[in-house]
Amino acid sequence: MIYRRLQTTSWVVLLLLLSLAVQAQRPSSARRQRRLQAIEADTLTDTRRGPYTVVVTAGGGLSYYSTHLGVPAAIEQTRLSRFGTPSSLRVMWYPDHRLRVGLETGWTTMYSYRGQVAGENTHVYVSAVPILVVFSMPLGWLTGTDRSIARRMAITAGTGLYVNHSRLDYLGTVMTNTNSLGWMAAASYTYPIGRRFRIAGELKWFDAVAVENAAFTAELQLVWRAFSW
């Protein structure tokens, strides 16, 4: 009798241990399955691209003519101005990586001066219209994270054509245009004011190399994320 009870008890204990082992094995199998699914997901190549955005920037500010300015010795009582009020328009394509490309144009005052020649008033005014291909890149990569103030900063450089406009008022008006190759470099900081609009401050250097005209500008800009896809 005692032997049968021990035998029955042994079978009950054995069945209980087997049941516990099976229950313990089930979560392990589930975890293994999830791990395999994660590995498979990591090995798949994501072929999706985007988003892409077209961004339009318009701005204006203050310019300073920063190279040597030669005023003819015949002009007396000269009043010289190196300051101007430039404006700019830029259209950029923002792809799904950091390097951006676009076009920029606008109008930039170079310099002007007034005086007298043989008792007659004279006025000279020089400005430039840049037509540039520009490239821009945000500085977020410097900190290793996009959640930083550097993400709002960017550097921009471009090259292209400058149309230099000169106007001389002296016993009539004479206007001439001269084309020159040149370049541009800029640094900006952008602050969001809505889902599609930003405001930005930009410091910029314009250089029309062939005619030796260069100006430093500081602009306040409105940035519009026109559309995305």
Protein backbone atom coordinates (compact mmCIF):
# COMPACT_ATOMS: atom_id res chain seq x y z
CA MET A 1 0.00 0.00 0.00
CA ILE A 2 2.74 2.42 1.00
CA TYR A 3 4.68 1.50 -2.16
CA ARG A 4 1.67 2.29 -4.37
CA ARG A 5 1.17 5.66 -2.67
CA LEU A 6 4.84 6.52 -3.19
CA GLN A 7 4.60 5.45 -6.81
CA THR A 8 1.47 7.58 -7.34
CA THR A 9 3.10 10.54 -5.62
CA SER A 10 6.19 10.17 -7.80
CA TRP A 11 4.09 10.20 -10.97
CA VAL A 12 2.21 13.30 -9.77
CA VAL A 13 5.47 15.11 -9.00
CA LEU A 14 6.92 14.09 -12.36
CA LEU A 15 3.86 15.33 -14.24
CA LEU A 16 3.96 18.61 -12.30
CA LEU A 17 7.63 19.13 -13.18
CA LEU A 18 6.94 18.40 -16.84
CA SER A 19 4.06 20.89 -16.81
CA LEU A 20 6.25 23.59 -15.28
CA ALA A 21 8.98 22.89 -17.81
CA VAL A 22 6.55 23.25 -20.71
CA GLN A 23 5.17 26.52 -19.30
CA ALA A 24 8.68 27.85 -18.84
CA GLN A 25 9.58 26.89 -22.38
CA ARG A 26 6.65 28.73 -24.00
CA PRO A 27 7.79 32.30 -23.10
CA SER A 28 11.30 31.39 -24.20
CA SER A 29 9.99 30.28 -27.59
CA ALA A 30 7.95 33.46 -27.92
CA ARG A 31 10.98 35.57 -27.09
CA ARG A 32 13.04 33.63 -29.60
CA GLN A 33 10.38 34.19 -32.25
CA ARG A 34 10.30 37.93 -31.56
CA ARG A 35 14.09 38.05 -31.73
CA LEU A 36 14.08 36.30 -35.11
CA GLN A 37 11.46 38.73 -36.41
CA ALA A 38 13.56 41.69 -35.25
CA ILE A 39 16.65 40.30 -36.98
CA GLU A 40 14.70 39.79 -40.20
CA ALA A 41 13.36 43.34 -40.02
CA ASP A 42 16.88 44.72 -39.54
CA THR A 43 18.19 42.86 -42.56
CA LEU A 44 15.50 44.22 -44.87
CA THR A 45 16.53 47.27 -46.92
CA ASP A 46 14.19 50.24 -46.64
CA THR A 47 13.86 51.57 -50.18
CA ARG A 48 11.56 54.43 -49.28
CA ARG A 49 12.95 57.93 -49.94
CA GLY A 50 11.91 61.36 -48.83
CA PRO A 51 10.43 63.59 -47.76
CA TYR A 52 11.48 66.20 -50.31
CA THR A 53 10.70 69.89 -49.80
CA VAL A 54 10.88 73.06 -51.90
CA VAL A 55 11.76 76.04 -49.70
CA VAL A 56 11.44 79.70 -50.76
CA THR A 57 13.38 82.37 -48.87
CA ALA A 58 12.96 86.13 -49.29
CA GLY A 59 14.77 88.78 -47.31
CA GLY A 60 16.32 92.19 -47.07
CA GLY A 61 18.63 94.15 -44.84
CA LEU A 62 21.78 96.27 -44.88
CA SER A 63 24.89 96.01 -47.08
CA TYR A 64 28.39 97.43 -46.77
CA TYR A 65 30.80 97.81 -49.69
CA SER A 66 34.00 96.30 -48.33
CA THR A 67 36.67 96.70 -51.01
CA HIS A 68 38.75 99.64 -52.25
CA LEU A 69 36.71 102.39 -53.83
CA GLY A 70 38.47 104.77 -56.20
CA VAL A 71 36.79 108.13 -56.70
CA PRO A 72 38.07 110.16 -59.69
CA ALA A 73 40.25 113.07 -58.60
CA ALA A 74 38.24 115.46 -60.79
CA ILE A 75 35.20 115.12 -58.52
CA GLU A 76 35.13 117.75 -55.77
CA GLN A 77 33.13 117.90 -52.55
CA THR A 78 32.70 114.13 -52.63
CA ARG A 79 30.05 112.51 -50.47
CA LEU A 80 30.61 108.77 -50.44
CA SER A 81 28.23 106.02 -49.27
CA ARG A 82 29.26 102.39 -48.86
CA PHE A 83 25.91 101.33 -47.39
CA GLY A 84 22.86 100.02 -49.19
CA THR A 85 19.62 98.08 -48.74
CA PRO A 86 19.90 94.71 -50.50
CA SER A 87 17.15 92.18 -51.15
CA SER A 88 17.36 88.50 -52.07
CA LEU A 89 15.20 85.62 -53.27
CA ARG A 90 16.30 81.99 -52.94
CA VAL A 91 14.57 78.76 -53.99
CA MET A 92 16.06 75.59 -52.48
CA TRP A 93 15.39 71.89 -52.84
CA TYR A 94 15.66 70.00 -49.53
CA PRO A 95 16.23 66.28 -50.27
CA ASP A 96 16.31 63.45 -47.71
CA HIS A 97 19.96 64.14 -46.89
CA ARG A 98 21.77 67.22 -45.61
CA LEU A 99 23.16 68.76 -48.80
CA ARG A 100 20.65 71.16 -50.38
CA VAL A 101 20.79 72.87 -53.76
CA GLY A 102 18.99 75.81 -55.32
CA LEU A 103 19.08 79.17 -57.10
CA GLU A 104 19.48 82.67 -55.70
CA THR A 105 19.01 86.11 -57.15
CA GLY A 106 18.22 89.56 -55.84
CA TRP A 107 19.62 93.05 -55.86
CA THR A 108 22.59 94.38 -53.91
CA THR A 109 23.79 97.95 -53.59
CA MET A 110 27.55 98.27 -53.93
CA TYR A 111 28.27 101.99 -53.46
CA SER A 112 27.36 105.51 -54.54
CA TYR A 113 28.95 108.92 -54.37
CA ARG A 114 28.05 112.51 -55.18
CA GLY A 115 30.14 115.56 -55.95
CA GLN A 116 30.82 118.31 -58.45
CA VAL A 117 32.81 118.44 -61.66
CA ALA A 118 33.50 121.93 -63.04
CA GLY A 119 30.64 123.28 -60.97
CA GLU A 120 28.14 120.68 -62.21
CA ASN A 121 26.58 118.12 -59.89
CA THR A 122 27.43 114.49 -60.49
CA HIS A 123 26.14 111.26 -59.00
CA VAL A 124 27.47 107.72 -59.47
CA TYR A 125 25.51 104.67 -58.33
CA VAL A 126 26.67 101.02 -58.65
CA SER A 127 24.61 97.91 -57.84
CA ALA A 128 24.66 94.22 -58.74
CA VAL A 129 22.16 91.47 -59.50
CA PRO A 130 23.52 88.01 -58.58
CA ILE A 131 22.31 84.90 -60.44
CA LEU A 132 23.83 82.04 -58.50
CA VAL A 133 23.68 78.29 -58.06
CA VAL A 134 23.87 77.74 -54.31
CA PHE A 135 24.50 74.80 -51.99
CA SER A 136 23.56 74.70 -48.32
CA MET A 137 24.09 72.34 -45.40
CA PRO A 138 22.81 72.48 -41.79
CA LEU A 139 25.37 72.22 -38.98
CA GLY A 140 23.50 69.57 -36.95
CA TRP A 141 26.17 66.99 -37.89
CA LEU A 142 28.77 68.88 -35.81
CA THR A 143 27.13 67.81 -32.54
CA GLY A 144 26.18 64.31 -33.63
CA THR A 145 22.48 64.93 -32.99
CA ASP A 146 19.66 66.74 -34.75
CA ARG A 147 18.13 67.81 -31.44
CA SER A 148 20.48 70.72 -30.95
CA ILE A 149 20.77 74.41 -31.67
CA ALA A 150 23.20 73.61 -34.48
CA ARG A 151 20.34 72.08 -36.46
CA ARG A 152 18.96 75.59 -36.96
CA MET A 153 22.27 76.90 -38.27
CA ALA A 154 23.44 76.44 -41.85
CA ILE A 155 26.26 77.42 -44.15
CA THR A 156 25.64 78.33 -47.78
CA ALA A 157 27.97 78.86 -50.73
CA GLY A 158 27.34 79.56 -54.37
CA THR A 159 28.81 80.67 -57.66
CA GLY A 160 27.50 82.17 -60.84
CA LEU A 161 26.98 85.44 -62.69
CA TYR A 162 26.80 89.03 -61.41
CA VAL A 163 25.15 91.69 -63.57
CA ASN A 164 26.81 94.93 -62.43
CA HIS A 165 24.74 98.04 -63.08
CA SER A 166 26.34 101.51 -63.13
CA ARG A 167 24.52 104.83 -63.43
CA LEU A 168 26.19 108.20 -63.95
CA ASP A 169 24.20 111.42 -63.70
CA TYR A 170 26.28 114.27 -65.14
CA LEU A 171 24.90 116.57 -67.82
CA GLY A 172 22.54 113.72 -68.60
CA THR A 173 22.34 110.07 -67.64
CA VAL A 174 24.60 107.23 -68.71
CA MET A 175 23.82 103.63 -67.71
CA THR A 176 25.98 100.56 -68.35
CA ASN A 177 25.81 96.86 -67.47
CA THR A 178 28.85 94.63 -66.99
CA ASN A 179 28.73 90.87 -66.49
CA SER A 180 31.13 89.22 -64.09
CA LEU A 181 31.67 85.78 -62.61
CA GLY A 182 31.64 85.63 -58.84
CA TRP A 183 30.75 83.72 -55.71
CA MET A 184 28.89 84.01 -52.43
CA ALA A 185 29.26 82.59 -48.91
CA ALA A 186 26.79 82.88 -46.03
CA ALA A 187 25.91 81.65 -42.56
CA SER A 188 22.36 81.68 -41.18
CA TYR A 189 20.24 80.86 -38.16
CA THR A 190 16.58 79.86 -38.64
CA TYR A 191 13.81 79.92 -36.04
CA PRO A 192 10.40 78.24 -36.57
CA ILE A 193 7.26 80.36 -36.22
CA GLY A 194 4.79 77.81 -37.60
CA ARG A 195 4.47 74.53 -39.42
CA ARG A 196 5.45 76.01 -42.79
CA PHE A 197 7.12 79.32 -41.94
CA ARG A 198 10.45 80.28 -40.39
CA ILE A 199 12.34 83.50 -39.80
CA ALA A 200 16.06 83.63 -40.32
CA GLY A 201 19.03 85.93 -39.89
CA GLU A 202 21.83 85.60 -42.44
CA LEU A 203 25.30 87.12 -42.80
CA LYS A 204 26.47 87.03 -46.40
CA TRP A 205 29.50 87.91 -48.52
CA PHE A 206 29.03 88.79 -52.20
CA ASP A 207 32.08 88.96 -54.49
CA ALA A 208 31.92 89.87 -58.19
CA VAL A 209 35.50 88.89 -58.96
CA ALA A 210 36.08 90.30 -62.45
CA VAL A 211 34.98 93.85 -61.60
CA GLU A 212 36.38 93.70 -58.05
CA ASN A 213 33.10 94.56 -56.37
CA ALA A 214 32.36 92.94 -53.01
CA ALA A 215 29.83 93.60 -50.29
CA PHE A 216 29.01 92.25 -46.85
CA THR A 217 25.28 91.99 -46.07
CA ALA A 218 23.14 91.27 -43.03
CA GLU A 219 19.59 90.18 -43.82
CA LEU A 220 16.37 89.29 -42.06
CA GLN A 221 14.55 86.58 -44.03
CA LEU A 222 11.18 84.86 -44.23
CA VAL A 223 11.45 81.14 -45.01
CA TRP A 224 8.45 79.35 -46.53
CA ARG A 225 8.27 75.57 -46.92
CA ALA A 226 6.24 75.80 -50.10
CA PHE A 227 5.38 72.11 -50.57
CA SER A 228 6.66 68.63 -49.72
CA TRP A 229 6.27 65.17 -51.18
